[in-house]
Amino acid sequence: YELYPDIKFMIHGHYYIDGAPFTEHYNLCGDVREVQSIVDVIRKTNNKNYGVINLKNHGFLIYSSSLSELVNLICDSKFNKRQIGEEIIF
């Protein structure tokens, strides 16, 4: 939130989203080190105020500066069920 104060809304879930970039590293759910992995992906995007990220071996994060943009991102996303127990943990 300190790095991206315009981001006001986030949704996290344990599916993946087609076409979204993945974080490079796997971190356990709730591990604060995951923040840096997320920031690394956001820095590579064209828009810092909204987007969709897959968290490696974890799930997804949708973030936005407005509720209407968040709804659009959700509606435009194709969610894929993870294969828990069958995923390769890197």
PDB file of N, CA and C in Angstrom:
ATOM      1  N   TYR A   1       0.817  -1.203   0.000  1.00  0.00           N
ATOM      2  CA  TYR A   1       0.000   0.000   0.000  1.00  0.00           C
ATOM      3  C   TYR A   1       0.858   1.263   0.000  1.00  0.00           C
ATOM      4  N   GLU A   2       2.000   1.220   0.642  1.00  0.00           N
ATOM      5  CA  GLU A   2       2.888   2.386   0.653  1.00  0.00           C
ATOM      6  C   GLU A   2       3.475   2.656  -0.734  1.00  0.00           C
ATOM      7  N   LEU A   3       3.809   1.614  -1.461  1.00  0.00           N
ATOM      8  CA  LEU A   3       4.384   1.777  -2.798  1.00  0.00           C
ATOM      9  C   LEU A   3       3.352   2.178  -3.845  1.00  0.00           C
ATOM     10  N   TYR A   4       2.117   1.732  -3.673  1.00  0.00           N
ATOM     11  CA  TYR A   4       1.063   1.972  -4.656  1.00  0.00           C
ATOM     12  C   TYR A   4      -0.186   2.503  -3.948  1.00  0.00           C
ATOM     13  N   PRO A   5      -0.152   3.751  -3.490  1.00  0.00           N
ATOM     14  CA  PRO A   5      -1.269   4.297  -2.705  1.00  0.00           C
ATOM     15  C   PRO A   5      -2.571   4.430  -3.494  1.00  0.00           C
ATOM     16  N   ASP A   6      -2.512   4.398  -4.823  1.00  0.00           N
ATOM     17  CA  ASP A   6      -3.738   4.488  -5.616  1.00  0.00           C
ATOM     18  C   ASP A   6      -4.515   3.173  -5.650  1.00  0.00           C
ATOM     19  N   ILE A   7      -3.884   2.069  -5.292  1.00  0.00           N
ATOM     20  CA  ILE A   7      -4.579   0.786  -5.245  1.00  0.00           C
ATOM     21  C   ILE A   7      -5.447   0.772  -3.989  1.00  0.00           C
ATOM     22  N   LYS A   8      -6.741   0.649  -4.195  1.00  0.00           N
ATOM     23  CA  LYS A   8      -7.709   0.703  -3.093  1.00  0.00           C
ATOM     24  C   LYS A   8      -8.447  -0.615  -2.870  1.00  0.00           C
ATOM     25  N   PHE A   9      -8.431  -1.499  -3.866  1.00  0.00           N
ATOM     26  CA  PHE A   9      -9.202  -2.734  -3.788  1.00  0.00           C
ATOM     27  C   PHE A   9      -8.331  -3.921  -4.193  1.00  0.00           C
ATOM     28  N   MET A  10      -8.476  -5.039  -3.473  1.00  0.00           N
ATOM     29  CA  MET A  10      -7.771  -6.280  -3.810  1.00  0.00           C
ATOM     30  C   MET A  10      -8.673  -7.470  -3.523  1.00  0.00           C
ATOM     31  N   ILE A  11      -8.553  -8.462  -4.368  1.00  0.00           N
ATOM     32  CA  ILE A  11      -9.213  -9.748  -4.135  1.00  0.00           C
ATOM     33  C   ILE A  11      -8.152 -10.820  -4.298  1.00  0.00           C
ATOM     34  N   HIS A  12      -8.148 -11.776  -3.381  1.00  0.00           N
ATOM     35  CA  HIS A  12      -7.208 -12.899  -3.444  1.00  0.00           C
ATOM     36  C   HIS A  12      -8.015 -14.185  -3.404  1.00  0.00           C
ATOM     37  N   GLY A  13      -7.610 -15.147  -4.210  1.00  0.00           N
ATOM     38  CA  GLY A  13      -8.259 -16.451  -4.213  1.00  0.00           C
ATOM     39  C   GLY A  13      -7.267 -17.533  -4.571  1.00  0.00           C
ATOM     40  N   HIS A  14      -7.714 -18.766  -4.511  1.00  0.00           N
ATOM     41  CA  HIS A  14      -6.817 -19.901  -4.726  1.00  0.00           C
ATOM     42  C   HIS A  14      -7.115 -20.638  -6.028  1.00  0.00           C
ATOM     43  N   TYR A  15      -7.359 -19.867  -7.067  1.00  0.00           N
ATOM     44  CA  TYR A  15      -7.443 -20.336  -8.452  1.00  0.00           C
ATOM     45  C   TYR A  15      -6.331 -19.625  -9.210  1.00  0.00           C
ATOM     46  N   TYR A  16      -6.172 -19.958 -10.491  1.00  0.00           N
ATOM     47  CA  TYR A  16      -5.283 -19.193 -11.359  1.00  0.00           C
ATOM     48  C   TYR A  16      -6.129 -18.491 -12.405  1.00  0.00           C
ATOM     49  N   ILE A  17      -5.583 -17.438 -12.992  1.00  0.00           N
ATOM     50  CA  ILE A  17      -6.287 -16.677 -14.015  1.00  0.00           C
ATOM     51  C   ILE A  17      -5.506 -16.770 -15.321  1.00  0.00           C
ATOM     52  N   ASP A  18      -6.197 -17.214 -16.372  1.00  0.00           N
ATOM     53  CA  ASP A  18      -5.566 -17.355 -17.691  1.00  0.00           C
ATOM     54  C   ASP A  18      -4.911 -16.053 -18.128  1.00  0.00           C
ATOM     55  N   GLY A  19      -3.684 -16.161 -18.634  1.00  0.00           N
ATOM     56  CA  GLY A  19      -2.985 -15.036 -19.218  1.00  0.00           C
ATOM     57  C   GLY A  19      -2.341 -14.070 -18.241  1.00  0.00           C
ATOM     58  N   ALA A  20      -2.566 -14.257 -16.956  1.00  0.00           N
ATOM     59  CA  ALA A  20      -1.966 -13.361 -15.962  1.00  0.00           C
ATOM     60  C   ALA A  20      -0.527 -13.789 -15.692  1.00  0.00           C
ATOM     61  N   PRO A  21       0.356 -12.830 -15.456  1.00  0.00           N
ATOM     62  CA  PRO A  21       1.748 -13.193 -15.137  1.00  0.00           C
ATOM     63  C   PRO A  21       1.839 -13.863 -13.769  1.00  0.00           C
ATOM     64  N   PHE A  22       2.852 -14.695 -13.616  1.00  0.00           N
ATOM     65  CA  PHE A  22       3.107 -15.379 -12.353  1.00  0.00           C
ATOM     66  C   PHE A  22       4.254 -14.706 -11.594  1.00  0.00           C
ATOM     67  N   THR A  23       4.171 -14.737 -10.282  1.00  0.00           N
ATOM     68  CA  THR A  23       5.316 -14.328  -9.483  1.00  0.00           C
ATOM     69  C   THR A  23       6.421 -15.345  -9.708  1.00  0.00           C
ATOM     70  N   GLU A  24       7.642 -14.916  -9.546  1.00  0.00           N
ATOM     71  CA  GLU A  24       8.787 -15.782  -9.834  1.00  0.00           C
ATOM     72  C   GLU A  24       9.018 -16.833  -8.750  1.00  0.00           C
ATOM     73  N   HIS A  25       8.758 -16.478  -7.515  1.00  0.00           N
ATOM     74  CA  HIS A  25       9.086 -17.364  -6.394  1.00  0.00           C
ATOM     75  C   HIS A  25       7.840 -17.861  -5.681  1.00  0.00           C
ATOM     76  N   TYR A  26       7.926 -19.056  -5.139  1.00  0.00           N
ATOM     77  CA  TYR A  26       6.868 -19.613  -4.302  1.00  0.00           C
ATOM     78  C   TYR A  26       7.117 -19.194  -2.857  1.00  0.00           C
ATOM     79  N   ASN A  27       6.073 -18.700  -2.217  1.00  0.00           N
ATOM     80  CA  ASN A  27       6.114 -18.391  -0.795  1.00  0.00           C
ATOM     81  C   ASN A  27       4.863 -18.966  -0.152  1.00  0.00           C
ATOM     82  N   LEU A  28       4.988 -19.420   1.071  1.00  0.00           N
ATOM     83  CA  LEU A  28       3.836 -19.937   1.786  1.00  0.00           C
ATOM     84  C   LEU A  28       2.780 -18.847   1.922  1.00  0.00           C
ATOM     85  N   CYS A  29       1.514 -19.247   1.985  1.00  0.00           N
ATOM     86  CA  CYS A  29       0.414 -18.306   2.146  1.00  0.00           C
ATOM     87  C   CYS A  29       0.633 -17.466   3.407  1.00  0.00           C
ATOM     88  N   GLY A  30       0.604 -16.147   3.236  1.00  0.00           N
ATOM     89  CA  GLY A  30       0.799 -15.249   4.366  1.00  0.00           C
ATOM     90  C   GLY A  30       2.241 -14.858   4.618  1.00  0.00           C
ATOM     91  N   ASP A  31       3.171 -15.432   3.885  1.00  0.00           N
ATOM     92  CA  ASP A  31       4.593 -15.118   4.056  1.00  0.00           C
ATOM     93  C   ASP A  31       4.847 -13.706   3.521  1.00  0.00           C
ATOM     94  N   VAL A  32       5.395 -12.835   4.350  1.00  0.00           N
ATOM     95  CA  VAL A  32       5.604 -11.436   3.946  1.00  0.00           C
ATOM     96  C   VAL A  32       6.574 -11.305   2.777  1.00  0.00           C
ATOM     97  N   ARG A  33       7.384 -12.318   2.520  1.00  0.00           N
ATOM     98  CA  ARG A  33       8.301 -12.268   1.378  1.00  0.00           C
ATOM     99  C   ARG A  33       7.544 -12.265   0.053  1.00  0.00           C
ATOM    100  N   GLU A  34       6.294 -12.696   0.072  1.00  0.00           N
ATOM    101  CA  GLU A  34       5.503 -12.704  -1.148  1.00  0.00           C
ATOM    102  C   GLU A  34       5.260 -11.279  -1.649  1.00  0.00           C
ATOM    103  N   VAL A  35       5.284 -10.308  -0.743  1.00  0.00           N
ATOM    104  CA  VAL A  35       5.084  -8.909  -1.132  1.00  0.00           C
ATOM    105  C   VAL A  35       6.102  -8.498  -2.189  1.00  0.00           C
ATOM    106  N   GLN A  36       7.364  -8.822  -1.989  1.00  0.00           N
ATOM    107  CA  GLN A  36       8.396  -8.435  -2.958  1.00  0.00           C
ATOM    108  C   GLN A  36       8.161  -9.105  -4.302  1.00  0.00           C
ATOM    109  N   SER A  37       7.726 -10.357  -4.296  1.00  0.00           N
ATOM    110  CA  SER A  37       7.423 -11.048  -5.558  1.00  0.00           C
ATOM    111  C   SER A  37       6.296 -10.354  -6.300  1.00  0.00           C
ATOM    112  N   ILE A  38       5.288  -9.892  -5.570  1.00  0.00           N
ATOM    113  CA  ILE A  38       4.160  -9.179  -6.165  1.00  0.00           C
ATOM    114  C   ILE A  38       4.622  -7.841  -6.727  1.00  0.00           C
ATOM    115  N   VAL A  39       5.413  -7.107  -5.961  1.00  0.00           N
ATOM    116  CA  VAL A  39       5.937  -5.808  -6.409  1.00  0.00           C
ATOM    117  C   VAL A  39       6.765  -5.982  -7.679  1.00  0.00           C
ATOM    118  N   ASP A  40       7.558  -7.039  -7.748  1.00  0.00           N
ATOM    119  CA  ASP A  40       8.377  -7.289  -8.940  1.00  0.00           C
ATOM    120  C   ASP A  40       7.506  -7.431 -10.184  1.00  0.00           C
ATOM    121  N   VAL A  41       6.358  -8.103 -10.060  1.00  0.00           N
ATOM    122  CA  VAL A  41       5.463  -8.274 -11.208  1.00  0.00           C
ATOM    123  C   VAL A  41       4.794  -6.946 -11.550  1.00  0.00           C
ATOM    124  N   ILE A  42       4.315  -6.218 -10.548  1.00  0.00           N
ATOM    125  CA  ILE A  42       3.654  -4.931 -10.809  1.00  0.00           C
ATOM    126  C   ILE A  42       4.608  -3.977 -11.524  1.00  0.00           C
ATOM    127  N   ARG A  43       5.870  -3.958 -11.132  1.00  0.00           N
ATOM    128  CA  ARG A  43       6.851  -3.064 -11.763  1.00  0.00           C
ATOM    129  C   ARG A  43       7.017  -3.334 -13.249  1.00  0.00           C
ATOM    130  N   LYS A  44       6.759  -4.555 -13.676  1.00  0.00           N
ATOM    131  CA  LYS A  44       6.920  -4.927 -15.081  1.00  0.00           C
ATOM    132  C   LYS A  44       5.682  -4.612 -15.920  1.00  0.00           C
ATOM    133  N   THR A  45       4.582  -4.210 -15.275  1.00  0.00           N
ATOM    134  CA  THR A  45       3.348  -3.956 -16.021  1.00  0.00           C
ATOM    135  C   THR A  45       3.299  -2.525 -16.527  1.00  0.00           C
ATOM    136  N   ASN A  46       2.424  -2.288 -17.493  1.00  0.00           N
ATOM    137  CA  ASN A  46       2.239  -0.945 -18.045  1.00  0.00           C
ATOM    138  C   ASN A  46       1.391  -0.063 -17.144  1.00  0.00           C
ATOM    139  N   ASN A  47       0.536  -0.668 -16.323  1.00  0.00           N
ATOM    140  CA  ASN A  47      -0.347   0.098 -15.455  1.00  0.00           C
ATOM    141  C   ASN A  47      -0.148  -0.344 -14.011  1.00  0.00           C
ATOM    142  N   LYS A  48       0.213   0.578 -13.165  1.00  0.00           N
ATOM    143  CA  LYS A  48       0.492   0.268 -11.755  1.00  0.00           C
ATOM    144  C   LYS A  48      -0.753   0.331 -10.885  1.00  0.00           C
ATOM    145  N   ASN A  49      -1.890   0.817 -11.432  1.00  0.00           N
ATOM    146  CA  ASN A  49      -3.089   1.025 -10.630  1.00  0.00           C
ATOM    147  C   ASN A  49      -4.100  -0.115 -10.673  1.00  0.00           C
ATOM    148  N   TYR A  50      -3.951  -1.031 -11.633  1.00  0.00           N
ATOM    149  CA  TYR A  50      -4.846  -2.184 -11.665  1.00  0.00           C
ATOM    150  C   TYR A  50      -4.189  -3.329 -12.422  1.00  0.00           C
ATOM    151  N   GLY A  51      -4.593  -4.542 -12.083  1.00  0.00           N
ATOM    152  CA  GLY A  51      -4.055  -5.693 -12.779  1.00  0.00           C
ATOM    153  C   GLY A  51      -4.405  -7.005 -12.109  1.00  0.00           C
ATOM    154  N   VAL A  52      -3.874  -8.068 -12.701  1.00  0.00           N
ATOM    155  CA  VAL A  52      -4.114  -9.424 -12.229  1.00  0.00           C
ATOM    156  C   VAL A  52      -2.771 -10.138 -12.176  1.00  0.00           C
ATOM    157  N   ILE A  53      -2.508 -10.827 -11.084  1.00  0.00           N
ATOM    158  CA  ILE A  53      -1.251 -11.558 -10.894  1.00  0.00           C
ATOM    159  C   ILE A  53      -1.574 -12.954 -10.386  1.00  0.00           C
ATOM    160  N   ASN A  54      -0.905 -13.960 -10.958  1.00  0.00           N
ATOM    161  CA  ASN A  54      -0.946 -15.302 -10.392  1.00  0.00           C
ATOM    162  C   ASN A  54       0.224 -15.445  -9.423  1.00  0.00           C
ATOM    163  N   LEU A  55      -0.057 -15.983  -8.258  1.00  0.00           N
ATOM    164  CA  LEU A  55       0.967 -16.215  -7.238  1.00  0.00           C
ATOM    165  C   LEU A  55       1.425 -17.659  -7.368  1.00  0.00           C
ATOM    166  N   LYS A  56       2.683 -17.853  -7.646  1.00  0.00           N
ATOM    167  CA  LYS A  56       3.232 -19.183  -7.937  1.00  0.00           C
ATOM    168  C   LYS A  56       2.874 -20.183  -6.845  1.00  0.00           C
ATOM    169  N   ASN A  57       2.245 -21.278  -7.264  1.00  0.00           N
ATOM    170  CA  ASN A  57       1.822 -22.356  -6.371  1.00  0.00           C
ATOM    171  C   ASN A  57       0.950 -21.856  -5.228  1.00  0.00           C
ATOM    172  N   HIS A  58       0.113 -20.845  -5.491  1.00  0.00           N
ATOM    173  CA  HIS A  58      -0.671 -20.252  -4.423  1.00  0.00           C
ATOM    174  C   HIS A  58      -2.064 -19.854  -4.880  1.00  0.00           C
ATOM    175  N   GLY A  59      -2.180 -18.979  -5.885  1.00  0.00           N
ATOM    176  CA  GLY A  59      -3.490 -18.493  -6.297  1.00  0.00           C
ATOM    177  C   GLY A  59      -3.363 -17.226  -7.118  1.00  0.00           C
ATOM    178  N   PHE A  60      -4.295 -16.283  -6.911  1.00  0.00           N
ATOM    179  CA  PHE A  60      -4.272 -15.049  -7.697  1.00  0.00           C
ATOM    180  C   PHE A  60      -4.474 -13.839  -6.796  1.00  0.00           C
ATOM    181  N   LEU A  61      -4.152 -12.683  -7.375  1.00  0.00           N
ATOM    182  CA  LEU A  61      -4.408 -11.394  -6.748  1.00  0.00           C
ATOM    183  C   LEU A  61      -4.917 -10.465  -7.844  1.00  0.00           C
ATOM    184  N   ILE A  62      -6.091  -9.868  -7.617  1.00  0.00           N
ATOM    185  CA  ILE A  62      -6.629  -8.852  -8.511  1.00  0.00           C
ATOM    186  C   ILE A  62      -6.607  -7.546  -7.720  1.00  0.00           C
ATOM    187  N   TYR A  63      -6.088  -6.482  -8.324  1.00  0.00           N
ATOM    188  CA  TYR A  63      -5.978  -5.210  -7.608  1.00  0.00           C
ATOM    189  C   TYR A  63      -6.417  -4.069  -8.514  1.00  0.00           C
ATOM    190  N   SER A  64      -6.946  -3.004  -7.899  1.00  0.00           N
ATOM    191  CA  SER A  64      -7.464  -1.894  -8.681  1.00  0.00           C
ATOM    192  C   SER A  64      -7.581  -0.631  -7.841  1.00  0.00           C
ATOM    193  N   SER A  65      -7.604   0.500  -8.528  1.00  0.00           N
ATOM    194  CA  SER A  65      -7.787   1.780  -7.854  1.00  0.00           C
ATOM    195  C   SER A  65      -9.269   2.154  -7.745  1.00  0.00           C
ATOM    196  N   SER A  66     -10.138   1.460  -8.492  1.00  0.00           N
ATOM    197  CA  SER A  66     -11.571   1.762  -8.416  1.00  0.00           C
ATOM    198  C   SER A  66     -12.382   0.469  -8.381  1.00  0.00           C
ATOM    199  N   LEU A  67     -13.543   0.554  -7.791  1.00  0.00           N
ATOM    200  CA  LEU A  67     -14.411  -0.614  -7.711  1.00  0.00           C
ATOM    201  C   LEU A  67     -14.900  -1.033  -9.096  1.00  0.00           C
ATOM    202  N   SER A  68     -15.199  -0.067  -9.948  1.00  0.00           N
ATOM    203  CA  SER A  68     -15.677  -0.412 -11.295  1.00  0.00           C
ATOM    204  C   SER A  68     -14.599  -1.137 -12.097  1.00  0.00           C
ATOM    205  N   GLU A  69     -13.341  -0.708 -11.974  1.00  0.00           N
ATOM    206  CA  GLU A  69     -12.245  -1.396 -12.664  1.00  0.00           C
ATOM    207  C   GLU A  69     -12.045  -2.798 -12.095  1.00  0.00           C
ATOM    208  N   LEU A  70     -12.190  -2.949 -10.797  1.00  0.00           N
ATOM    209  CA  LEU A  70     -12.074  -4.271 -10.174  1.00  0.00           C
ATOM    210  C   LEU A  70     -13.136  -5.213 -10.733  1.00  0.00           C
ATOM    211  N   VAL A  71     -14.364  -4.736 -10.836  1.00  0.00           N
ATOM    212  CA  VAL A  71     -15.448  -5.548 -11.387  1.00  0.00           C
ATOM    213  C   VAL A  71     -15.132  -5.930 -12.829  1.00  0.00           C
ATOM    214  N   ASN A  72     -14.634  -4.987 -13.623  1.00  0.00           N
ATOM    215  CA  ASN A  72     -14.260  -5.289 -15.011  1.00  0.00           C
ATOM    216  C   ASN A  72     -13.181  -6.357 -15.075  1.00  0.00           C
ATOM    217  N   LEU A  73     -12.170  -6.253 -14.216  1.00  0.00           N
ATOM    218  CA  LEU A  73     -11.100  -7.251 -14.199  1.00  0.00           C
ATOM    219  C   LEU A  73     -11.639  -8.635 -13.854  1.00  0.00           C
ATOM    220  N   ILE A  74     -12.530  -8.696 -12.888  1.00  0.00           N
ATOM    221  CA  ILE A  74     -13.126  -9.979 -12.496  1.00  0.00           C
ATOM    222  C   ILE A  74     -13.922 -10.562 -13.655  1.00  0.00           C
ATOM    223  N   CYS A  75     -14.747  -9.730 -14.281  1.00  0.00           N
ATOM    224  CA  CYS A  75     -15.595 -10.198 -15.391  1.00  0.00           C
ATOM    225  C   CYS A  75     -14.768 -10.647 -16.594  1.00  0.00           C
ATOM    226  N   ASP A  76     -13.623 -10.016 -16.815  1.00  0.00           N
ATOM    227  CA  ASP A  76     -12.765 -10.346 -17.952  1.00  0.00           C
ATOM    228  C   ASP A  76     -11.820 -11.518 -17.683  1.00  0.00           C
ATOM    229  N   SER A  77     -11.783 -11.991 -16.454  1.00  0.00           N
ATOM    230  CA  SER A  77     -10.840 -13.058 -16.081  1.00  0.00           C
ATOM    231  C   SER A  77     -11.469 -14.434 -16.240  1.00  0.00           C
ATOM    232  N   LYS A  78     -10.648 -15.368 -16.717  1.00  0.00           N
ATOM    233  CA  LYS A  78     -11.053 -16.768 -16.764  1.00  0.00           C
ATOM    234  C   LYS A  78     -10.316 -17.488 -15.643  1.00  0.00           C
ATOM    235  N   PHE A  79     -11.070 -17.978 -14.686  1.00  0.00           N
ATOM    236  CA  PHE A  79     -10.500 -18.628 -13.509  1.00  0.00           C
ATOM    237  C   PHE A  79     -10.331 -20.112 -13.772  1.00  0.00           C
ATOM    238  N   ASN A  80      -9.169 -20.639 -13.396  1.00  0.00           N
ATOM    239  CA  ASN A  80      -8.867 -22.063 -13.560  1.00  0.00           C
ATOM    240  C   ASN A  80      -8.557 -22.678 -12.206  1.00  0.00           C
ATOM    241  N   LYS A  81      -9.199 -23.793 -11.952  1.00  0.00           N
ATOM    242  CA  LYS A  81      -8.996 -24.514 -10.707  1.00  0.00           C
ATOM    243  C   LYS A  81      -7.561 -25.026 -10.632  1.00  0.00           C
ATOM    244  N   ARG A  82      -6.944 -24.837  -9.474  1.00  0.00           N
ATOM    245  CA  ARG A  82      -5.590 -25.370  -9.269  1.00  0.00           C
ATOM    246  C   ARG A  82      -5.664 -26.868  -9.009  1.00  0.00           C
ATOM    247  N   GLN A  83      -4.606 -27.559  -9.335  1.00  0.00           N
ATOM    248  CA  GLN A  83      -4.512 -28.987  -9.090  1.00  0.00           C
ATOM    249  C   GLN A  83      -3.745 -29.210  -7.778  1.00  0.00           C
ATOM    250  N   ILE A  84      -4.382 -28.895  -6.667  1.00  0.00           N
ATOM    251  CA  ILE A  84      -3.728 -29.003  -5.359  1.00  0.00           C
ATOM    252  C   ILE A  84      -3.312 -30.451  -5.130  1.00  0.00           C
ATOM    253  N   GLY A  85      -2.084 -30.630  -4.694  1.00  0.00           N
ATOM    254  CA  GLY A  85      -1.523 -31.950  -4.489  1.00  0.00           C
ATOM    255  C   GLY A  85      -0.818 -32.465  -5.718  1.00  0.00           C
ATOM    256  N   GLU A  86      -1.083 -31.852  -6.865  1.00  0.00           N
ATOM    257  CA  GLU A  86      -0.450 -32.262  -8.108  1.00  0.00           C
ATOM    258  C   GLU A  86       0.471 -31.178  -8.663  1.00  0.00           C
ATOM    259  N   GLU A  87       0.448 -29.980  -8.073  1.00  0.00           N
ATOM    260  CA  GLU A  87       1.305 -28.916  -8.530  1.00  0.00           C
ATOM    261  C   GLU A  87       2.742 -29.185  -8.117  1.00  0.00           C
ATOM    262  N   ILE A  88       3.637 -28.733  -8.936  1.00  0.00           N
ATOM    263  CA  ILE A  88       5.058 -28.826  -8.600  1.00  0.00           C
ATOM    264  C   ILE A  88       5.424 -27.585  -7.809  1.00  0.00           C
ATOM    265  N   ILE A  89       5.922 -27.773  -6.611  1.00  0.00           N
ATOM    266  CA  ILE A  89       6.362 -26.653  -5.776  1.00  0.00           C
ATOM    267  C   ILE A  89       7.821 -26.388  -6.113  1.00  0.00           C
ATOM    268  N   PHE A  90       8.098 -25.200  -6.639  1.00  0.00           N
ATOM    269  CA  PHE A  90       9.455 -24.844  -7.045  1.00  0.00           C
ATOM    270  C   PHE A  90      10.197 -24.202  -5.895  1.00  0.00           C
TER     271      PHE A  90
END
